[in-house]
PDB file of all heavy atoms in Angstrom:
ATOM      1  N   GLU A   1     -10.138 -17.858 -17.333  1.00  0.00           N
ATOM      2  CA  GLU A   1      -9.100 -18.362 -18.035  1.00  0.00           C
ATOM      3  C   GLU A   1      -7.871 -18.476 -17.063  1.00  0.00           C
ATOM      4  O   GLU A   1      -7.924 -17.959 -16.030  1.00  0.00           O
ATOM      5  CB  GLU A   1      -8.709 -17.390 -19.189  1.00  0.00           C
ATOM      6  CG  GLU A   1      -9.786 -17.211 -20.200  1.00  0.00           C
ATOM      7  CD  GLU A   1     -10.033 -18.549 -21.048  1.00  0.00           C
ATOM      8  OE1 GLU A   1      -9.105 -19.218 -21.203  1.00  0.00           O
ATOM      9  OE2 GLU A   1     -11.127 -18.665 -21.631  1.00  0.00           O
ATOM     10  N   ASP A   2      -6.860 -19.235 -17.494  1.00  0.00           N
ATOM     11  CA  ASP A   2      -5.678 -19.531 -16.666  1.00  0.00           C
ATOM     12  C   ASP A   2      -5.016 -18.279 -16.222  1.00  0.00           C
ATOM     13  O   ASP A   2      -4.616 -18.207 -14.945  1.00  0.00           O
ATOM     14  CB  ASP A   2      -4.655 -20.396 -17.309  1.00  0.00           C
ATOM     15  CG  ASP A   2      -5.126 -21.844 -17.551  1.00  0.00           C
ATOM     16  OD1 ASP A   2      -6.104 -22.152 -17.116  1.00  0.00           O
ATOM     17  OD2 ASP A   2      -4.335 -22.649 -18.147  1.00  0.00           O
ATOM     18  N   HIS A   3      -4.940 -17.247 -17.000  1.00  0.00           N
ATOM     19  CA  HIS A   3      -4.210 -16.015 -16.612  1.00  0.00           C
ATOM     20  C   HIS A   3      -4.842 -15.217 -15.563  1.00  0.00           C
ATOM     21  O   HIS A   3      -4.296 -14.359 -14.862  1.00  0.00           O
ATOM     22  CB  HIS A   3      -3.827 -15.222 -17.840  1.00  0.00           C
ATOM     23  CG  HIS A   3      -5.175 -14.697 -18.489  1.00  0.00           C
ATOM     24  ND1 HIS A   3      -5.841 -15.362 -19.515  1.00  0.00           N
ATOM     25  CD2 HIS A   3      -5.918 -13.593 -18.280  1.00  0.00           C
ATOM     26  CE1 HIS A   3      -6.818 -14.691 -19.985  1.00  0.00           C
ATOM     27  NE2 HIS A   3      -6.909 -13.567 -19.277  1.00  0.00           N
ATOM     28  N   TRP A   4      -6.114 -15.488 -15.276  1.00  0.00           N
ATOM     29  CA  TRP A   4      -6.738 -14.921 -14.120  1.00  0.00           C
ATOM     30  C   TRP A   4      -6.517 -15.415 -12.703  1.00  0.00           C
ATOM     31  O   TRP A   4      -6.777 -14.854 -11.741  1.00  0.00           O
ATOM     32  CB  TRP A   4      -8.354 -14.821 -14.366  1.00  0.00           C
ATOM     33  CG  TRP A   4      -8.763 -13.854 -15.401  1.00  0.00           C
ATOM     34  CD1 TRP A   4      -9.189 -14.056 -16.725  1.00  0.00           C
ATOM     35  CD2 TRP A   4      -8.831 -12.386 -15.244  1.00  0.00           C
ATOM     36  NE1 TRP A   4      -9.397 -12.881 -17.263  1.00  0.00           N
ATOM     37  CE2 TRP A   4      -9.220 -11.782 -16.456  1.00  0.00           C
ATOM     38  CE3 TRP A   4      -8.609 -11.454 -14.129  1.00  0.00           C
ATOM     39  CZ2 TRP A   4      -9.456 -10.462 -16.610  1.00  0.00           C
ATOM     40  CZ3 TRP A   4      -8.619 -10.115 -14.312  1.00  0.00           C
ATOM     41  CH2 TRP A   4      -9.187  -9.702 -15.533  1.00  0.00           C
ATOM     42  N   VAL A   5      -5.963 -16.632 -12.778  1.00  0.00           N
ATOM     43  CA  VAL A   5      -5.804 -17.392 -11.491  1.00  0.00           C
ATOM     44  C   VAL A   5      -4.837 -16.587 -10.613  1.00  0.00           C
ATOM     45  O   VAL A   5      -5.130 -16.454  -9.346  1.00  0.00           O
ATOM     46  CB  VAL A   5      -5.330 -18.751 -11.767  1.00  0.00           C
ATOM     47  CG1 VAL A   5      -4.887 -19.447 -10.313  1.00  0.00           C
ATOM     48  CG2 VAL A   5      -6.335 -19.637 -12.463  1.00  0.00           C
ATOM     49  N   PRO A   6      -3.709 -16.025 -11.154  1.00  0.00           N
ATOM     50  CA  PRO A   6      -2.824 -15.296 -10.232  1.00  0.00           C
ATOM     51  C   PRO A   6      -3.444 -14.025  -9.630  1.00  0.00           C
ATOM     52  O   PRO A   6      -3.162 -13.674  -8.567  1.00  0.00           O
ATOM     53  CB  PRO A   6      -1.663 -14.904 -11.055  1.00  0.00           C
ATOM     54  CG  PRO A   6      -1.603 -15.964 -12.210  1.00  0.00           C
ATOM     55  CD  PRO A   6      -3.087 -16.259 -12.445  1.00  0.00           C
ATOM     56  N   VAL A   7      -4.422 -13.413 -10.369  1.00  0.00           N
ATOM     57  CA  VAL A   7      -5.086 -12.235  -9.857  1.00  0.00           C
ATOM     58  C   VAL A   7      -6.032 -12.540  -8.714  1.00  0.00           C
ATOM     59  O   VAL A   7      -6.030 -11.830  -7.684  1.00  0.00           O
ATOM     60  CB  VAL A   7      -5.899 -11.633 -11.025  1.00  0.00           C
ATOM     61  CG1 VAL A   7      -6.709 -10.421 -10.524  1.00  0.00           C
ATOM     62  CG2 VAL A   7      -5.099 -11.276 -12.217  1.00  0.00           C
ATOM     63  N   ILE A   8      -6.704 -13.542  -8.763  1.00  0.00           N
ATOM     64  CA  ILE A   8      -7.484 -14.065  -7.672  1.00  0.00           C
ATOM     65  C   ILE A   8      -6.653 -14.504  -6.521  1.00  0.00           C
ATOM     66  O   ILE A   8      -7.028 -14.317  -5.261  1.00  0.00           O
ATOM     67  CB  ILE A   8      -8.539 -15.236  -8.086  1.00  0.00           C
ATOM     68  CG1 ILE A   8      -9.422 -14.713  -9.268  1.00  0.00           C
ATOM     69  CG2 ILE A   8      -9.516 -15.660  -6.856  1.00  0.00           C
ATOM     70  CD1 ILE A   8     -10.232 -13.510  -9.002  1.00  0.00           C
ATOM     71  N   LEU A   9      -5.531 -15.179  -6.738  1.00  0.00           N
ATOM     72  CA  LEU A   9      -4.526 -15.571  -5.666  1.00  0.00           C
ATOM     73  C   LEU A   9      -4.097 -14.335  -4.963  1.00  0.00           C
ATOM     74  O   LEU A   9      -3.853 -14.444  -3.747  1.00  0.00           O
ATOM     75  CB  LEU A   9      -3.487 -16.361  -6.250  1.00  0.00           C
ATOM     76  CG  LEU A   9      -3.896 -17.810  -6.823  1.00  0.00           C
ATOM     77  CD1 LEU A   9      -2.587 -18.503  -7.261  1.00  0.00           C
ATOM     78  CD2 LEU A   9      -4.369 -18.653  -5.641  1.00  0.00           C
ATOM     79  N   ALA A  10      -3.831 -13.221  -5.731  1.00  0.00           N
ATOM     80  CA  ALA A  10      -3.411 -12.042  -5.108  1.00  0.00           C
ATOM     81  C   ALA A  10      -4.567 -11.560  -4.131  1.00  0.00           C
ATOM     82  O   ALA A  10      -4.228 -10.876  -3.047  1.00  0.00           O
ATOM     83  CB  ALA A  10      -3.173 -10.907  -6.168  1.00  0.00           C
ATOM     84  N   ALA A  11      -5.819 -11.716  -4.508  1.00  0.00           N
ATOM     85  CA  ALA A  11      -6.859 -11.290  -3.493  1.00  0.00           C
ATOM     86  C   ALA A  11      -6.813 -12.077  -2.204  1.00  0.00           C
ATOM     87  O   ALA A  11      -7.008 -11.621  -1.143  1.00  0.00           O
ATOM     88  CB  ALA A  11      -8.301 -11.584  -4.203  1.00  0.00           C
ATOM     89  N   PHE A  12      -6.506 -13.360  -2.439  1.00  0.00           N
ATOM     90  CA  PHE A  12      -6.211 -14.278  -1.214  1.00  0.00           C
ATOM     91  C   PHE A  12      -5.111 -13.601  -0.284  1.00  0.00           C
ATOM     92  O   PHE A  12      -5.289 -13.556   0.952  1.00  0.00           O
ATOM     93  CB  PHE A  12      -6.016 -15.731  -1.501  1.00  0.00           C
ATOM     94  CG  PHE A  12      -5.748 -16.647  -0.337  1.00  0.00           C
ATOM     95  CD1 PHE A  12      -6.909 -17.290   0.112  1.00  0.00           C
ATOM     96  CD2 PHE A  12      -4.633 -16.826   0.177  1.00  0.00           C
ATOM     97  CE1 PHE A  12      -6.665 -18.226   1.181  1.00  0.00           C
ATOM     98  CE2 PHE A  12      -4.253 -17.634   1.188  1.00  0.00           C
ATOM     99  CZ  PHE A  12      -5.413 -18.370   1.753  1.00  0.00           C
ATOM    100  N   GLY A  13      -4.040 -13.238  -1.020  1.00  0.00           N
ATOM    101  CA  GLY A  13      -2.952 -12.574  -0.261  1.00  0.00           C
ATOM    102  C   GLY A  13      -3.323 -11.323   0.420  1.00  0.00           C
ATOM    103  O   GLY A  13      -2.864 -11.117   1.561  1.00  0.00           O
ATOM    104  N   VAL A  14      -4.126 -10.542  -0.188  1.00  0.00           N
ATOM    105  CA  VAL A  14      -4.582  -9.258   0.508  1.00  0.00           C
ATOM    106  C   VAL A  14      -5.317  -9.593   1.761  1.00  0.00           C
ATOM    107  O   VAL A  14      -5.148  -9.035   2.903  1.00  0.00           O
ATOM    108  CB  VAL A  14      -5.339  -8.428  -0.466  1.00  0.00           C
ATOM    109  CG1 VAL A  14      -5.999  -7.293   0.213  1.00  0.00           C
ATOM    110  CG2 VAL A  14      -4.475  -7.960  -1.594  1.00  0.00           C
ATOM    111  N   GLY A  15      -6.134 -10.611   1.671  1.00  0.00           N
ATOM    112  CA  GLY A  15      -6.903 -10.999   2.807  1.00  0.00           C
ATOM    113  C   GLY A  15      -6.057 -11.600   3.926  1.00  0.00           C
ATOM    114  O   GLY A  15      -6.274 -11.388   5.154  1.00  0.00           O
ATOM    115  N   ALA A  16      -5.066 -12.312   3.436  1.00  0.00           N
ATOM    116  CA  ALA A  16      -4.135 -12.921   4.445  1.00  0.00           C
ATOM    117  C   ALA A  16      -3.355 -11.890   5.260  1.00  0.00           C
ATOM    118  O   ALA A  16      -3.214 -11.897   6.400  1.00  0.00           O
ATOM    119  CB  ALA A  16      -3.265 -13.925   3.821  1.00  0.00           C
ATOM    120  N   ILE A  17      -2.930 -10.771   4.505  1.00  0.00           N
ATOM    121  CA  ILE A  17      -2.169  -9.708   5.173  1.00  0.00           C
ATOM    122  C   ILE A  17      -3.050  -8.976   6.271  1.00  0.00           C
ATOM    123  O   ILE A  17      -2.689  -8.732   7.302  1.00  0.00           O
ATOM    124  CB  ILE A  17      -1.559  -8.779   4.129  1.00  0.00           C
ATOM    125  CG1 ILE A  17      -0.466  -9.523   3.366  1.00  0.00           C
ATOM    126  CG2 ILE A  17      -1.056  -7.482   4.779  1.00  0.00           C
ATOM    127  CD1 ILE A  17       0.062  -8.560   2.285  1.00  0.00           C
ATOM    128  N   LEU A  18      -4.255  -8.655   5.713  1.00  0.00           N
ATOM    129  CA  LEU A  18      -5.184  -8.075   6.678  1.00  0.00           C
ATOM    130  C   LEU A  18      -5.549  -8.923   7.877  1.00  0.00           C
ATOM    131  O   LEU A  18      -5.674  -8.429   9.004  1.00  0.00           O
ATOM    132  CB  LEU A  18      -6.443  -7.562   5.922  1.00  0.00           C
ATOM    133  CG  LEU A  18      -6.236  -6.556   4.757  1.00  0.00           C
ATOM    134  CD1 LEU A  18      -7.623  -6.430   3.914  1.00  0.00           C
ATOM    135  CD2 LEU A  18      -5.764  -5.263   5.316  1.00  0.00           C
ATOM    136  N   GLY A  19      -5.750 -10.191   7.601  1.00  0.00           N
ATOM    137  CA  GLY A  19      -6.177 -11.077   8.736  1.00  0.00           C
ATOM    138  C   GLY A  19      -5.024 -11.199   9.679  1.00  0.00           C
ATOM    139  O   GLY A  19      -5.175 -11.321  10.833  1.00  0.00           O
ATOM    140  N   ASN A  20      -3.824 -11.295   9.165  1.00  0.00           N
ATOM    141  CA  ASN A  20      -2.664 -11.498   9.958  1.00  0.00           C
ATOM    142  C   ASN A  20      -2.469 -10.370  10.956  1.00  0.00           C
ATOM    143  O   ASN A  20      -2.250 -10.536  12.193  1.00  0.00           O
ATOM    144  CB  ASN A  20      -1.338 -11.676   9.132  1.00  0.00           C
ATOM    145  CG  ASN A  20      -0.130 -11.807   9.960  1.00  0.00           C
ATOM    146  OD1 ASN A  20       0.043 -12.782  10.682  1.00  0.00           O
ATOM    147  ND2 ASN A  20       0.743 -10.708   9.872  1.00  0.00           N
ATOM    148  N   MET A  21      -2.605  -9.200  10.459  1.00  0.00           N
ATOM    149  CA  MET A  21      -2.518  -8.038  11.325  1.00  0.00           C
ATOM    150  C   MET A  21      -3.606  -7.925  12.270  1.00  0.00           C
ATOM    151  O   MET A  21      -3.537  -7.486  13.367  1.00  0.00           O
ATOM    152  CB  MET A  21      -2.332  -6.631  10.413  1.00  0.00           C
ATOM    153  CG  MET A  21      -1.228  -6.680   9.564  1.00  0.00           C
ATOM    154  SD  MET A  21       0.453  -6.946  10.412  1.00  0.00           S
ATOM    155  CE  MET A  21       0.505  -5.511  11.340  1.00  0.00           C
ATOM    156  N   ALA A  22      -4.740  -8.291  11.765  1.00  0.00           N
ATOM    157  CA  ALA A  22      -6.039  -8.140  12.587  1.00  0.00           C
ATOM    158  C   ALA A  22      -5.949  -9.253  13.759  1.00  0.00           C
ATOM    159  O   ALA A  22      -6.380  -8.916  14.856  1.00  0.00           O
ATOM    160  CB  ALA A  22      -7.272  -8.451  11.809  1.00  0.00           C
ATOM    161  N   GLY A  23      -5.402 -10.372  13.589  1.00  0.00           N
ATOM    162  CA  GLY A  23      -5.213 -11.388  14.486  1.00  0.00           C
ATOM    163  C   GLY A  23      -4.337 -10.917  15.635  1.00  0.00           C
ATOM    164  O   GLY A  23      -4.586 -11.240  16.744  1.00  0.00           O
ATOM    165  N   GLY A  24      -3.258 -10.309  15.301  1.00  0.00           N
ATOM    166  CA  GLY A  24      -2.323  -9.830  16.297  1.00  0.00           C
ATOM    167  C   GLY A  24      -3.067  -8.758  17.180  1.00  0.00           C
ATOM    168  O   GLY A  24      -2.865  -8.644  18.339  1.00  0.00           O
TER     169      GLY A  24
END
């Protein structure tokens, strides 16, 4: 459902934060 989309987007954000720090 639509209301689950922000939750999955938050998972992308967690991955991005971890990836950003790992890249450095």
